[in-house]
PDB file of N, CA and C in Angstrom:
ATOM      1  N   MET A   1       0.836  -1.182   0.000  1.00  0.00           N
ATOM      2  CA  MET A   1       0.000   0.000   0.000  1.00  0.00           C
ATOM      3  C   MET A   1       0.873   1.234   0.000  1.00  0.00           C
ATOM      4  N   LYS A   2       0.328   2.291  -0.509  1.00  0.00           N
ATOM      5  CA  LYS A   2       1.009   3.584  -0.451  1.00  0.00           C
ATOM      6  C   LYS A   2       0.226   4.478   0.508  1.00  0.00           C
ATOM      7  N   TYR A   3       0.965   5.045   1.452  1.00  0.00           N
ATOM      8  CA  TYR A   3       0.397   5.964   2.430  1.00  0.00           C
ATOM      9  C   TYR A   3       1.017   7.337   2.204  1.00  0.00           C
ATOM     10  N   LEU A   4       0.215   8.366   2.397  1.00  0.00           N
ATOM     11  CA  LEU A   4       0.728   9.729   2.384  1.00  0.00           C
ATOM     12  C   LEU A   4       0.835  10.215   3.821  1.00  0.00           C
ATOM     13  N   GLY A   5       1.864  11.010   4.065  1.00  0.00           N
ATOM     14  CA  GLY A   5       2.057  11.547   5.394  1.00  0.00           C
ATOM     15  C   GLY A   5       2.560  12.967   5.317  1.00  0.00           C
ATOM     16  N   ARG A   6       2.410  13.686   6.441  1.00  0.00           N
ATOM     17  CA  ARG A   6       2.840  15.081   6.468  1.00  0.00           C
ATOM     18  C   ARG A   6       2.951  15.544   7.907  1.00  0.00           C
ATOM     19  N   CYS A   7       3.693  16.628   8.067  1.00  0.00           N
ATOM     20  CA  CYS A   7       3.744  17.286   9.371  1.00  0.00           C
ATOM     21  C   CYS A   7       2.451  18.085   9.549  1.00  0.00           C
ATOM     22  N   HIS A   8       2.315  18.789  10.641  1.00  0.00           N
ATOM     23  CA  HIS A   8       1.084  19.525  10.920  1.00  0.00           C
ATOM     24  C   HIS A   8       0.829  20.652   9.930  1.00  0.00           C
ATOM     25  N   CYS A   9       1.864  21.427   9.602  1.00  0.00           N
ATOM     26  CA  CYS A   9       1.673  22.578   8.705  1.00  0.00           C
ATOM     27  C   CYS A   9       1.715  22.191   7.227  1.00  0.00           C
ATOM     28  N   GLY A  10       2.121  20.963   6.922  1.00  0.00           N
ATOM     29  CA  GLY A  10       2.150  20.491   5.538  1.00  0.00           C
ATOM     30  C   GLY A  10       3.427  20.813   4.786  1.00  0.00           C
ATOM     31  N   ALA A  11       4.385  21.451   5.433  1.00  0.00           N
ATOM     32  CA  ALA A  11       5.644  21.775   4.753  1.00  0.00           C
ATOM     33  C   ALA A  11       6.409  20.511   4.378  1.00  0.00           C
ATOM     34  N   VAL A  12       6.358  19.495   5.244  1.00  0.00           N
ATOM     35  CA  VAL A  12       7.030  18.217   4.975  1.00  0.00           C
ATOM     36  C   VAL A  12       5.970  17.200   4.595  1.00  0.00           C
ATOM     37  N   GLN A  13       6.113  16.640   3.393  1.00  0.00           N
ATOM     38  CA  GLN A  13       5.178  15.620   2.928  1.00  0.00           C
ATOM     39  C   GLN A  13       5.976  14.435   2.404  1.00  0.00           C
ATOM     40  N   PHE A  14       5.467  13.239   2.690  1.00  0.00           N
ATOM     41  CA  PHE A  14       6.179  12.036   2.259  1.00  0.00           C
ATOM     42  C   PHE A  14       5.189  10.955   1.858  1.00  0.00           C
ATOM     43  N   GLN A  15       5.715   9.959   1.160  1.00  0.00           N
ATOM     44  CA  GLN A  15       4.941   8.783   0.795  1.00  0.00           C
ATOM     45  C   GLN A  15       5.638   7.568   1.372  1.00  0.00           C
ATOM     46  N   LEU A  16       4.869   6.668   1.943  1.00  0.00           N
ATOM     47  CA  LEU A  16       5.390   5.453   2.546  1.00  0.00           C
ATOM     48  C   LEU A  16       4.780   4.260   1.834  1.00  0.00           C
ATOM     49  N   THR A  17       5.617   3.332   1.407  1.00  0.00           N
ATOM     50  CA  THR A  17       5.145   2.078   0.834  1.00  0.00           C
ATOM     51  C   THR A  17       5.272   1.016   1.906  1.00  0.00           C
ATOM     52  N   SER A  18       4.152   0.381   2.249  1.00  0.00           N
ATOM     53  CA  SER A  18       4.133  -0.535   3.384  1.00  0.00           C
ATOM     54  C   SER A  18       3.006  -1.541   3.229  1.00  0.00           C
ATOM     55  N   GLU A  19       3.156  -2.647   3.921  1.00  0.00           N
ATOM     56  CA  GLU A  19       2.022  -3.536   4.144  1.00  0.00           C
ATOM     57  C   GLU A  19       1.006  -2.720   4.938  1.00  0.00           C
ATOM     58  N   PRO A  20      -0.243  -3.154   5.021  1.00  0.00           N
ATOM     59  CA  PRO A  20      -1.196  -2.411   5.848  1.00  0.00           C
ATOM     60  C   PRO A  20      -0.649  -2.203   7.262  1.00  0.00           C
ATOM     61  N   ILE A  21      -0.776  -0.997   7.748  1.00  0.00           N
ATOM     62  CA  ILE A  21      -0.248  -0.654   9.077  1.00  0.00           C
ATOM     63  C   ILE A  21      -1.272  -1.071  10.126  1.00  0.00           C
ATOM     64  N   THR A  22      -0.886  -2.038  10.949  1.00  0.00           N
ATOM     65  CA  THR A  22      -1.787  -2.563  11.978  1.00  0.00           C
ATOM     66  C   THR A  22      -1.188  -2.467  13.377  1.00  0.00           C
ATOM     67  N   SER A  23       0.070  -2.016  13.464  1.00  0.00           N
ATOM     68  CA  SER A  23       0.703  -1.939  14.775  1.00  0.00           C
ATOM     69  C   SER A  23       1.649  -0.750  14.840  1.00  0.00           C
ATOM     70  N   GLY A  24       1.980  -0.392  16.057  1.00  0.00           N
ATOM     71  CA  GLY A  24       2.930   0.684  16.294  1.00  0.00           C
ATOM     72  C   GLY A  24       3.732   0.356  17.533  1.00  0.00           C
ATOM     73  N   CYS A  25       4.680   1.231  17.861  1.00  0.00           N
ATOM     74  CA  CYS A  25       5.454   1.002  19.075  1.00  0.00           C
ATOM     75  C   CYS A  25       5.640   2.312  19.828  1.00  0.00           C
ATOM     76  N   ALA A  26       5.655   2.174  21.133  1.00  0.00           N
ATOM     77  CA  ALA A  26       5.888   3.304  22.016  1.00  0.00           C
ATOM     78  C   ALA A  26       7.190   3.025  22.756  1.00  0.00           C
ATOM     79  N   CYS A  27       8.073   4.003  22.744  1.00  0.00           N
ATOM     80  CA  CYS A  27       9.394   3.862  23.356  1.00  0.00           C
ATOM     81  C   CYS A  27       9.464   4.763  24.593  1.00  0.00           C
ATOM     82  N   ASN A  28      10.200   4.309  25.602  1.00  0.00           N
ATOM     83  CA  ASN A  28      10.318   5.099  26.829  1.00  0.00           C
ATOM     84  C   ASN A  28      11.684   5.778  26.955  1.00  0.00           C
ATOM     85  N   CYS A  29      12.422   5.928  25.841  1.00  0.00           N
ATOM     86  CA  CYS A  29      13.690   6.646  25.930  1.00  0.00           C
ATOM     87  C   CYS A  29      13.405   8.128  26.212  1.00  0.00           C
ATOM     88  N   SER A  30      14.439   8.857  26.550  1.00  0.00           N
ATOM     89  CA  SER A  30      14.252  10.232  27.003  1.00  0.00           C
ATOM     90  C   SER A  30      13.610  11.147  25.968  1.00  0.00           C
ATOM     91  N   ILE A  31      13.840  10.927  24.688  1.00  0.00           N
ATOM     92  CA  ILE A  31      13.217  11.804  23.684  1.00  0.00           C
ATOM     93  C   ILE A  31      11.814  11.314  23.323  1.00  0.00           C
ATOM     94  N   CYS A  32      11.641  10.017  23.142  1.00  0.00           N
ATOM     95  CA  CYS A  32      10.323   9.505  22.748  1.00  0.00           C
ATOM     96  C   CYS A  32       9.271   9.752  23.823  1.00  0.00           C
ATOM     97  N   ILE A  33       9.659   9.622  25.086  1.00  0.00           N
ATOM     98  CA  ILE A  33       8.698   9.842  26.163  1.00  0.00           C
ATOM     99  C   ILE A  33       8.237  11.299  26.165  1.00  0.00           C
ATOM    100  N   ARG A  34       9.129  12.205  25.781  1.00  0.00           N
ATOM    101  CA  ARG A  34       8.765  13.624  25.736  1.00  0.00           C
ATOM    102  C   ARG A  34       7.970  13.966  24.480  1.00  0.00           C
ATOM    103  N   LYS A  35       8.276  13.311  23.360  1.00  0.00           N
ATOM    104  CA  LYS A  35       7.518  13.547  22.129  1.00  0.00           C
ATOM    105  C   LYS A  35       6.111  12.974  22.228  1.00  0.00           C
ATOM    106  N   GLY A  36       6.010  11.820  22.890  1.00  0.00           N
ATOM    107  CA  GLY A  36       4.704  11.200  23.060  1.00  0.00           C
ATOM    108  C   GLY A  36       4.117  10.607  21.798  1.00  0.00           C
ATOM    109  N   GLY A  37       4.921  10.400  20.797  1.00  0.00           N
ATOM    110  CA  GLY A  37       4.414   9.873  19.535  1.00  0.00           C
ATOM    111  C   GLY A  37       4.313   8.359  19.520  1.00  0.00           C
ATOM    112  N   LEU A  38       3.683   7.856  18.506  1.00  0.00           N
ATOM    113  CA  LEU A  38       3.583   6.426  18.266  1.00  0.00           C
ATOM    114  C   LEU A  38       4.336   6.143  16.971  1.00  0.00           C
ATOM    115  N   SER A  39       5.390   5.369  17.075  1.00  0.00           N
ATOM    116  CA  SER A  39       6.225   5.071  15.912  1.00  0.00           C
ATOM    117  C   SER A  39       5.748   3.818  15.201  1.00  0.00           C
ATOM    118  N   SER A  40       6.192   3.684  13.967  1.00  0.00           N
ATOM    119  CA  SER A  40       5.878   2.478  13.205  1.00  0.00           C
ATOM    120  C   SER A  40       6.393   1.257  13.960  1.00  0.00           C
ATOM    121  N   GLY A  41       5.670   0.176  13.838  1.00  0.00           N
ATOM    122  CA  GLY A  41       6.033  -1.047  14.526  1.00  0.00           C
ATOM    123  C   GLY A  41       7.246  -1.729  13.934  1.00  0.00           C
ATOM    124  N   SER A  42       7.611  -1.342  12.739  1.00  0.00           N
ATOM    125  CA  SER A  42       8.783  -1.922  12.091  1.00  0.00           C
ATOM    126  C   SER A  42       9.614  -0.809  11.471  1.00  0.00           C
ATOM    127  N   TYR A  43      10.813  -1.179  11.090  1.00  0.00           N
ATOM    128  CA  TYR A  43      11.681  -0.255  10.364  1.00  0.00           C
ATOM    129  C   TYR A  43      11.370  -0.359   8.889  1.00  0.00           C
ATOM    130  N   TYR A  44      11.539   0.745   8.183  1.00  0.00           N
ATOM    131  CA  TYR A  44      11.337   0.768   6.732  1.00  0.00           C
ATOM    132  C   TYR A  44      12.653   1.103   6.050  1.00  0.00           C
ATOM    133  N   PRO A  45      12.990   0.377   4.988  1.00  0.00           N
ATOM    134  CA  PRO A  45      14.205   0.732   4.251  1.00  0.00           C
ATOM    135  C   PRO A  45      14.016   2.073   3.546  1.00  0.00           C
ATOM    136  N   ALA A  46      15.109   2.713   3.243  1.00  0.00           N
ATOM    137  CA  ALA A  46      15.064   4.047   2.630  1.00  0.00           C
ATOM    138  C   ALA A  46      14.230   4.074   1.354  1.00  0.00           C
ATOM    139  N   ASP A  47      14.224   3.013   0.590  1.00  0.00           N
ATOM    140  CA  ASP A  47      13.472   3.029  -0.667  1.00  0.00           C
ATOM    141  C   ASP A  47      11.962   2.904  -0.470  1.00  0.00           C
ATOM    142  N   ALA A  48      11.507   2.683   0.781  1.00  0.00           N
ATOM    143  CA  ALA A  48      10.069   2.635   1.074  1.00  0.00           C
ATOM    144  C   ALA A  48       9.516   3.997   1.464  1.00  0.00           C
ATOM    145  N   VAL A  49      10.411   4.975   1.670  1.00  0.00           N
ATOM    146  CA  VAL A  49      10.002   6.310   2.096  1.00  0.00           C
ATOM    147  C   VAL A  49      10.476   7.320   1.054  1.00  0.00           C
ATOM    148  N   GLU A  50       9.533   8.069   0.498  1.00  0.00           N
ATOM    149  CA  GLU A  50       9.877   9.093  -0.483  1.00  0.00           C
ATOM    150  C   GLU A  50       9.458  10.465   0.049  1.00  0.00           C
ATOM    151  N   LEU A  51      10.417  11.344   0.196  1.00  0.00           N
ATOM    152  CA  LEU A  51      10.118  12.708   0.621  1.00  0.00           C
ATOM    153  C   LEU A  51       9.566  13.456  -0.590  1.00  0.00           C
ATOM    154  N   LEU A  52       8.308  13.860  -0.528  1.00  0.00           N
ATOM    155  CA  LEU A  52       7.653  14.527  -1.654  1.00  0.00           C
ATOM    156  C   LEU A  52       7.924  16.020  -1.660  1.00  0.00           C
ATOM    157  N   SER A  53       8.009  16.601  -0.477  1.00  0.00           N
ATOM    158  CA  SER A  53       8.323  18.030  -0.373  1.00  0.00           C
ATOM    159  C   SER A  53       8.812  18.321   1.035  1.00  0.00           C
ATOM    160  N   GLY A  54       9.566  19.407   1.148  1.00  0.00           N
ATOM    161  CA  GLY A  54       9.958  19.891   2.451  1.00  0.00           C
ATOM    162  C   GLY A  54      11.335  19.509   2.937  1.00  0.00           C
ATOM    163  N   HIS A  55      12.194  19.048   2.043  1.00  0.00           N
ATOM    164  CA  HIS A  55      13.551  18.710   2.493  1.00  0.00           C
ATOM    165  C   HIS A  55      14.185  19.884   3.242  1.00  0.00           C
ATOM    166  N   GLU A  56      13.999  21.083   2.715  1.00  0.00           N
ATOM    167  CA  GLU A  56      14.577  22.279   3.343  1.00  0.00           C
ATOM    168  C   GLU A  56      13.876  22.642   4.653  1.00  0.00           C
ATOM    169  N   SER A  57      12.709  22.065   4.897  1.00  0.00           N
ATOM    170  CA  SER A  57      11.969  22.333   6.133  1.00  0.00           C
ATOM    171  C   SER A  57      12.305  21.356   7.252  1.00  0.00           C
ATOM    172  N   LEU A  58      13.063  20.313   6.935  1.00  0.00           N
ATOM    173  CA  LEU A  58      13.414  19.322   7.947  1.00  0.00           C
ATOM    174  C   LEU A  58      14.629  19.751   8.750  1.00  0.00           C
ATOM    175  N   ALA A  59      14.553  19.575  10.038  1.00  0.00           N
ATOM    176  CA  ALA A  59      15.692  19.769  10.929  1.00  0.00           C
ATOM    177  C   ALA A  59      16.012  18.414  11.538  1.00  0.00           C
ATOM    178  N   SER A  60      17.197  18.310  12.078  1.00  0.00           N
ATOM    179  CA  SER A  60      17.692  17.050  12.606  1.00  0.00           C
ATOM    180  C   SER A  60      18.138  17.240  14.052  1.00  0.00           C
ATOM    181  N   TYR A  61      17.886  16.228  14.878  1.00  0.00           N
ATOM    182  CA  TYR A  61      18.360  16.253  16.254  1.00  0.00           C
ATOM    183  C   TYR A  61      18.908  14.873  16.594  1.00  0.00           C
ATOM    184  N   MET A  62      20.146  14.852  17.056  1.00  0.00           N
ATOM    185  CA  MET A  62      20.782  13.602  17.480  1.00  0.00           C
ATOM    186  C   MET A  62      21.344  13.819  18.881  1.00  0.00           C
ATOM    187  N   PHE A  63      21.245  12.810  19.719  1.00  0.00           N
ATOM    188  CA  PHE A  63      21.759  12.929  21.075  1.00  0.00           C
ATOM    189  C   PHE A  63      22.419  11.616  21.474  1.00  0.00           C
ATOM    190  N   GLY A  64      23.060  11.617  22.626  1.00  0.00           N
ATOM    191  CA  GLY A  64      23.641  10.397  23.177  1.00  0.00           C
ATOM    192  C   GLY A  64      24.634   9.758  22.231  1.00  0.00           C
ATOM    193  N   ASP A  65      24.366   8.516  21.878  1.00  0.00           N
ATOM    194  CA  ASP A  65      25.281   7.764  21.019  1.00  0.00           C
ATOM    195  C   ASP A  65      25.178   8.167  19.544  1.00  0.00           C
ATOM    196  N   ARG A  66      24.236   9.041  19.234  1.00  0.00           N
ATOM    197  CA  ARG A  66      24.044   9.579  17.883  1.00  0.00           C
ATOM    198  C   ARG A  66      23.691   8.488  16.864  1.00  0.00           C
ATOM    199  N   ASP A  67      23.064   7.429  17.326  1.00  0.00           N
ATOM    200  CA  ASP A  67      22.672   6.341  16.438  1.00  0.00           C
ATOM    201  C   ASP A  67      21.351   6.603  15.720  1.00  0.00           C
ATOM    202  N   VAL A  68      20.546   7.530  16.240  1.00  0.00           N
ATOM    203  CA  VAL A  68      19.240   7.821  15.634  1.00  0.00           C
ATOM    204  C   VAL A  68      19.161   9.308  15.309  1.00  0.00           C
ATOM    205  N   ASP A  69      18.817   9.589  14.070  1.00  0.00           N
ATOM    206  CA  ASP A  69      18.665  10.959  13.592  1.00  0.00           C
ATOM    207  C   ASP A  69      17.173  11.286  13.597  1.00  0.00           C
ATOM    208  N   HIS A  70      16.748  12.084  14.567  1.00  0.00           N
ATOM    209  CA  HIS A  70      15.338  12.456  14.709  1.00  0.00           C
ATOM    210  C   HIS A  70      15.074  13.655  13.807  1.00  0.00           C
ATOM    211  N   ARG A  71      14.140  13.518  12.874  1.00  0.00           N
ATOM    212  CA  ARG A  71      13.845  14.588  11.927  1.00  0.00           C
ATOM    213  C   ARG A  71      12.488  15.203  12.249  1.00  0.00           C
ATOM    214  N   PHE A  72      12.466  16.545  12.223  1.00  0.00           N
ATOM    215  CA  PHE A  72      11.233  17.252  12.546  1.00  0.00           C
ATOM    216  C   PHE A  72      11.112  18.485  11.669  1.00  0.00           C
ATOM    217  N   CYS A  73       9.897  18.994  11.553  1.00  0.00           N
ATOM    218  CA  CYS A  73       9.625  20.185  10.742  1.00  0.00           C
ATOM    219  C   CYS A  73      10.072  21.427  11.499  1.00  0.00           C
ATOM    220  N   LYS A  74      10.863  22.264  10.829  1.00  0.00           N
ATOM    221  CA  LYS A  74      11.351  23.497  11.444  1.00  0.00           C
ATOM    222  C   LYS A  74      10.233  24.510  11.664  1.00  0.00           C
ATOM    223  N   THR A  75       9.146  24.384  10.931  1.00  0.00           N
ATOM    224  CA  THR A  75       8.053  25.350  11.046  1.00  0.00           C
ATOM    225  C   THR A  75       7.092  24.995  12.178  1.00  0.00           C
ATOM    226  N   CYS A  76       6.535  23.786  12.151  1.00  0.00           N
ATOM    227  CA  CYS A  76       5.524  23.420  13.154  1.00  0.00           C
ATOM    228  C   CYS A  76       6.081  22.579  14.295  1.00  0.00           C
ATOM    229  N   GLY A  77       7.294  22.059  14.147  1.00  0.00           N
ATOM    230  CA  GLY A  77       7.936  21.308  15.218  1.00  0.00           C
ATOM    231  C   GLY A  77       7.550  19.846  15.315  1.00  0.00           C
ATOM    232  N   VAL A  78       6.719  19.354  14.422  1.00  0.00           N
ATOM    233  CA  VAL A  78       6.272  17.968  14.496  1.00  0.00           C
ATOM    234  C   VAL A  78       7.393  17.020  14.077  1.00  0.00           C
ATOM    235  N   SER A  79       7.629  16.006  14.910  1.00  0.00           N
ATOM    236  CA  SER A  79       8.587  14.950  14.588  1.00  0.00           C
ATOM    237  C   SER A  79       7.948  14.046  13.545  1.00  0.00           C
ATOM    238  N   VAL A  80       8.571  13.962  12.390  1.00  0.00           N
ATOM    239  CA  VAL A  80       7.977  13.233  11.269  1.00  0.00           C
ATOM    240  C   VAL A  80       8.479  11.797  11.210  1.00  0.00           C
ATOM    241  N   PHE A  81       9.764  11.611  11.330  1.00  0.00           N
ATOM    242  CA  PHE A  81      10.357  10.278  11.310  1.00  0.00           C
ATOM    243  C   PHE A  81      11.755  10.339  11.893  1.00  0.00           C
ATOM    244  N   SER A  82      12.335   9.168  12.097  1.00  0.00           N
ATOM    245  CA  SER A  82      13.729   9.077  12.525  1.00  0.00           C
ATOM    246  C   SER A  82      14.435   8.114  11.581  1.00  0.00           C
ATOM    247  N   VAL A  83      15.748   8.309  11.473  1.00  0.00           N
ATOM    248  CA  VAL A  83      16.559   7.507  10.559  1.00  0.00           C
ATOM    249  C   VAL A  83      17.710   6.898  11.356  1.00  0.00           C
ATOM    250  N   ILE A  84      17.973   5.631  11.135  1.00  0.00           N
ATOM    251  CA  ILE A  84      19.081   4.960  11.808  1.00  0.00           C
ATOM    252  C   ILE A  84      20.388   5.462  11.200  1.00  0.00           C
ATOM    253  N   ALA A  85      21.195   6.110  12.039  1.00  0.00           N
ATOM    254  CA  ALA A  85      22.446   6.726  11.584  1.00  0.00           C
ATOM    255  C   ALA A  85      23.674   5.923  12.000  1.00  0.00           C
ATOM    256  N   GLY A  86      23.520   5.032  12.946  1.00  0.00           N
ATOM    257  CA  GLY A  86      24.642   4.224  13.416  1.00  0.00           C
ATOM    258  C   GLY A  86      24.124   3.023  14.177  1.00  0.00           C
ATOM    259  N   LEU A  87      24.943   1.978  14.213  1.00  0.00           N
ATOM    260  CA  LEU A  87      24.581   0.769  14.943  1.00  0.00           C
ATOM    261  C   LEU A  87      25.787   0.311  15.757  1.00  0.00           C
ATOM    262  N   PRO A  88      25.571  -0.057  17.010  1.00  0.00           N
ATOM    263  CA  PRO A  88      26.685  -0.573  17.814  1.00  0.00           C
ATOM    264  C   PRO A  88      27.271  -1.838  17.174  1.00  0.00           C
ATOM    265  N   ALA A  89      28.538  -2.073  17.396  1.00  0.00           N
ATOM    266  CA  ALA A  89      29.225  -3.221  16.796  1.00  0.00           C
ATOM    267  C   ALA A  89      28.560  -4.545  17.166  1.00  0.00           C
ATOM    268  N   ASP A  90      27.996  -4.644  18.364  1.00  0.00           N
ATOM    269  CA  ASP A  90      27.398  -5.898  18.820  1.00  0.00           C
ATOM    270  C   ASP A  90      25.891  -5.990  18.563  1.00  0.00           C
ATOM    271  N   TYR A  91      25.346  -5.052  17.800  1.00  0.00           N
ATOM    272  CA  TYR A  91      23.900  -5.025  17.526  1.00  0.00           C
ATOM    273  C   TYR A  91      23.514  -6.172  16.603  1.00  0.00           C
ATOM    274  N   ASP A  92      22.443  -6.881  16.945  1.00  0.00           N
ATOM    275  CA  ASP A  92      21.957  -7.962  16.074  1.00  0.00           C
ATOM    276  C   ASP A  92      20.450  -7.879  15.851  1.00  0.00           C
ATOM    277  N   GLY A  93      19.885  -6.684  16.001  1.00  0.00           N
ATOM    278  CA  GLY A  93      18.450  -6.488  15.825  1.00  0.00           C
ATOM    279  C   GLY A  93      18.060  -6.259  14.375  1.00  0.00           C
ATOM    280  N   PRO A  94      16.818  -5.867  14.145  1.00  0.00           N
ATOM    281  CA  PRO A  94      16.281  -5.749  12.781  1.00  0.00           C
ATOM    282  C   PRO A  94      16.662  -4.463  12.034  1.00  0.00           C
ATOM    283  N   ALA A  95      17.111  -3.436  12.739  1.00  0.00           N
ATOM    284  CA  ALA A  95      17.397  -2.151  12.065  1.00  0.00           C
ATOM    285  C   ALA A  95      18.680  -2.235  11.251  1.00  0.00           C
ATOM    286  N   ARG A  96      18.697  -1.505  10.150  1.00  0.00           N
ATOM    287  CA  ARG A  96      19.878  -1.363   9.302  1.00  0.00           C
ATOM    288  C   ARG A  96      20.147   0.116   9.099  1.00  0.00           C
ATOM    289  N   LEU A  97      21.377   0.451   8.819  1.00  0.00           N
ATOM    290  CA  LEU A  97      21.712   1.856   8.553  1.00  0.00           C
ATOM    291  C   LEU A  97      20.803   2.419   7.476  1.00  0.00           C
ATOM    292  N   GLY A  98      20.279   3.608   7.719  1.00  0.00           N
ATOM    293  CA  GLY A  98      19.398   4.263   6.754  1.00  0.00           C
ATOM    294  C   GLY A  98      17.931   3.905   6.880  1.00  0.00           C
ATOM    295  N   ASP A  99      17.601   2.935   7.733  1.00  0.00           N
ATOM    296  CA  ASP A  99      16.196   2.566   7.928  1.00  0.00           C
ATOM    297  C   ASP A  99      15.445   3.689   8.640  1.00  0.00           C
ATOM    298  N   TYR A 100      14.146   3.728   8.409  1.00  0.00           N
ATOM    299  CA  TYR A 100      13.262   4.737   8.983  1.00  0.00           C
ATOM    300  C   TYR A 100      12.315   4.119  10.000  1.00  0.00           C
ATOM    301  N   ARG A 101      11.973   4.909  11.002  1.00  0.00           N
ATOM    302  CA  ARG A 101      10.793   4.685  11.841  1.00  0.00           C
ATOM    303  C   ARG A 101       9.928   5.908  11.613  1.00  0.00           C
ATOM    304  N   ILE A 102       8.681   5.701  11.346  1.00  0.00           N
ATOM    305  CA  ILE A 102       7.742   6.764  10.983  1.00  0.00           C
ATOM    306  C   ILE A 102       6.872   7.126  12.182  1.00  0.00           C
ATOM    307  N   ASN A 103       6.634   8.417  12.394  1.00  0.00           N
ATOM    308  CA  ASN A 103       5.653   8.859  13.379  1.00  0.00           C
ATOM    309  C   ASN A 103       4.285   8.593  12.754  1.00  0.00           C
ATOM    310  N   LEU A 104       3.586   7.591  13.256  1.00  0.00           N
ATOM    311  CA  LEU A 104       2.314   7.187  12.651  1.00  0.00           C
ATOM    312  C   LEU A 104       1.238   8.254  12.769  1.00  0.00           C
ATOM    313  N   GLY A 105       1.391   9.191  13.684  1.00  0.00           N
ATOM    314  CA  GLY A 105       0.454  10.301  13.778  1.00  0.00           C
ATOM    315  C   GLY A 105       0.517  11.220  12.565  1.00  0.00           C
ATOM    316  N   CYS A 106       1.564  11.100  11.785  1.00  0.00           N
ATOM    317  CA  CYS A 106       1.731  11.918  10.575  1.00  0.00           C
ATOM    318  C   CYS A 106       1.191  11.232   9.329  1.00  0.00           C
ATOM    319  N   VAL A 107       0.770   9.982   9.443  1.00  0.00           N
ATOM    320  CA  VAL A 107       0.351   9.201   8.280  1.00  0.00           C
ATOM    321  C   VAL A 107      -1.162   9.293   8.113  1.00  0.00           C
ATOM    322  N   ASP A 108      -1.593   9.812   6.965  1.00  0.00           N
ATOM    323  CA  ASP A 108      -3.024   9.945   6.676  1.00  0.00           C
ATOM    324  C   ASP A 108      -3.701   8.577   6.644  1.00  0.00           C
ATOM    325  N   GLY A 109      -4.875   8.496   7.246  1.00  0.00           N
ATOM    326  CA  GLY A 109      -5.684   7.287   7.173  1.00  0.00           C
ATOM    327  C   GLY A 109      -5.337   6.215   8.185  1.00  0.00           C
ATOM    328  N   VAL A 110      -4.399   6.469   9.089  1.00  0.00           N
ATOM    329  CA  VAL A 110      -4.061   5.494  10.123  1.00  0.00           C
ATOM    330  C   VAL A 110      -4.737   5.925  11.421  1.00  0.00           C
ATOM    331  N   ALA A 111      -5.627   5.090  11.917  1.00  0.00           N
ATOM    332  CA  ALA A 111      -6.345   5.374  13.162  1.00  0.00           C
ATOM    333  C   ALA A 111      -5.521   4.805  14.318  1.00  0.00           C
ATOM    334  N   LEU A 112      -4.789   5.667  15.002  1.00  0.00           N
ATOM    335  CA  LEU A 112      -3.865   5.230  16.044  1.00  0.00           C
ATOM    336  C   LEU A 112      -4.550   4.404  17.129  1.00  0.00           C
ATOM    337  N   GLU A 113      -5.774   4.748  17.453  1.00  0.00           N
ATOM    338  CA  GLU A 113      -6.478   4.063  18.538  1.00  0.00           C
ATOM    339  C   GLU A 113      -6.825   2.615  18.197  1.00  0.00           C
ATOM    340  N   THR A 114      -6.720   2.225  16.937  1.00  0.00           N
ATOM    341  CA  THR A 114      -7.040   0.855  16.537  1.00  0.00           C
ATOM    342  C   THR A 114      -5.798  -0.036  16.442  1.00  0.00           C
ATOM    343  N   LEU A 115      -4.613   0.537  16.593  1.00  0.00           N
ATOM    344  CA  LEU A 115      -3.379  -0.216  16.394  1.00  0.00           C
ATOM    345  C   LEU A 115      -2.978  -1.004  17.631  1.00  0.00           C
ATOM    346  N   GLU A 116      -2.387  -2.160  17.394  1.00  0.00           N
ATOM    347  CA  GLU A 116      -1.762  -2.921  18.469  1.00  0.00           C
ATOM    348  C   GLU A 116      -0.442  -2.221  18.786  1.00  0.00           C
ATOM    349  N   VAL A 117      -0.199  -1.907  20.050  1.00  0.00           N
ATOM    350  CA  VAL A 117       0.986  -1.137  20.432  1.00  0.00           C
ATOM    351  C   VAL A 117       1.924  -1.995  21.269  1.00  0.00           C
ATOM    352  N   SER A 118       3.150  -2.113  20.806  1.00  0.00           N
ATOM    353  CA  SER A 118       4.187  -2.781  21.595  1.00  0.00           C
ATOM    354  C   SER A 118       5.014  -1.724  22.304  1.00  0.00           C
ATOM    355  N   ARG A 119       5.696  -2.122  23.345  1.00  0.00           N
ATOM    356  CA  ARG A 119       6.504  -1.206  24.134  1.00  0.00           C
ATOM    357  C   ARG A 119       7.981  -1.526  23.935  1.00  0.00           C
ATOM    358  N   ILE A 120       8.794  -0.481  23.778  1.00  0.00           N
ATOM    359  CA  ILE A 120      10.230  -0.633  23.649  1.00  0.00           C
ATOM    360  C   ILE A 120      10.879   0.022  24.873  1.00  0.00           C
ATOM    361  N   ASP A 121      11.768  -0.710  25.527  1.00  0.00           N
ATOM    362  CA  ASP A 121      12.470  -0.169  26.683  1.00  0.00           C
ATOM    363  C   ASP A 121      13.735   0.541  26.209  1.00  0.00           C
ATOM    364  N   GLY A 122      13.550   1.704  25.581  1.00  0.00           N
ATOM    365  CA  GLY A 122      14.658   2.478  25.052  1.00  0.00           C
ATOM    366  C   GLY A 122      15.579   3.036  26.126  1.00  0.00           C
ATOM    367  N   ARG A 123      15.086   3.184  27.345  1.00  0.00           N
ATOM    368  CA  ARG A 123      15.918   3.665  28.449  1.00  0.00           C
ATOM    369  C   ARG A 123      17.097   2.751  28.709  1.00  0.00           C
ATOM    370  N   SER A 124      16.917   1.477  28.409  1.00  0.00           N
ATOM    371  CA  SER A 124      17.984   0.518  28.719  1.00  0.00           C
ATOM    372  C   SER A 124      19.007   0.381  27.596  1.00  0.00           C
ATOM    373  N   PHE A 125      18.815   1.070  26.481  1.00  0.00           N
ATOM    374  CA  PHE A 125      19.783   0.955  25.369  1.00  0.00           C
ATOM    375  C   PHE A 125      21.011   1.787  25.661  1.00  0.00           C
TER     376      PHE A 125
END
């Protein structure tokens, strides 16, 4: 399926190619707990996400180990997605460099209240 997504003001717009979205994940790391968003339940490879407009409107924030590049709209402040920028040498999980996690609140037609939500203990990473 193809999903359209955008930040609140519409400056950043993207298209996501995905199986039907039926789940999401909530992380308790220091940034996710403050953002309060619901992320995609899986990682998406770079070729599944197409930025349609707003490259110049995106800002980036990285903290800690700098493994995740959090991207948000400079105008409205909405966190749109994050990109895997680094992986620890001993990492054996599903993420790959360049993979995306999408803020599902930005995806048109996804009813967050109907999704199965898993929890990620990001504080322990």
